[in-house]
Amino acid sequence: MSAEPARAYFGIGEVLDQLRAEFPDVSVSKIRFLETEGLIQPARSPSRYRKFSSADVERLRYILTVQRDQYLPLRVIKDQLDAGEEDPAPGHHRLLVDRPAAPLSRRELLEATGLDEARLAELEDFGLVRRSGRQYGPDALDAVRAIVALDRYGVQARHLRVLRASAERETALIEQVVAPTLRQRSPGARDRAGQTAREIAALALRLHAALIEAALADAGFGDRGPGRADG
């Protein structure tokens, strides 16, 4: 007997099964919302159930990854996806924005983000972009890209000072938690403290995102209603 042919399409429940290990918060409602916003366009069966191809699943994986790691607005993500439609092969992540490990010069940061000198100086004055000596780390690049994306919604630098203050308070909390480890004289104490700090920061970011989503839902801007298993 010949081997059973590979599945061409997946139902929405099967898609959730593929994604939840990496994205525990993904839901039927979330996928439907992304479809409503035009970021995905699954096929439909004759009975109108959604049918997701492997490429659709990879597209969803990309969207969820960028939302989680880069905090880009959906409109910006859609623009990036539309610009890369010429190569939608399954498993292809070319569209992910590179995050260079090497520090950037001021000129390189300006070229990578499209900012001008005056705008970058403003962001530095507000404490939203920081440098080490004469160079900028990947965190500065991420911050500028997020700020540029927020510009499209009319969010100005002065509005973002509350986010900077929140980040400073959260950092102070993390430093307080890892302080006992830092005081240890054993080898590797600083490395252990750094790892713990990063793990706490990742959890804090997840909690922060969940709290904002809950607040938006309470304000009538979210969808926390139960979703059907399929369709």
Foldseek 3Di string as FASTA:
>chain_A
DDDDDDDFWDFPLVLCVVCCVPPVPDAPQNVVVCVVVPQADFDADPVGWGTHGLLRSQSVVLVVVCCLPQVFDSVVSSVLCVVPVVDSDHPDNPSDDDQDQDWAAPVRLCVVQVDDPVQVVVLVVLVQADADPRTGGSSNSSSSNRVVRVVVVVQDSVNCSVVVVVVVVVLVVLCVVLVVLVPDPDPCSVVVSVVSSVVVVSVVSVVVVVVVQVVCVVVVNHDPDHDDSID
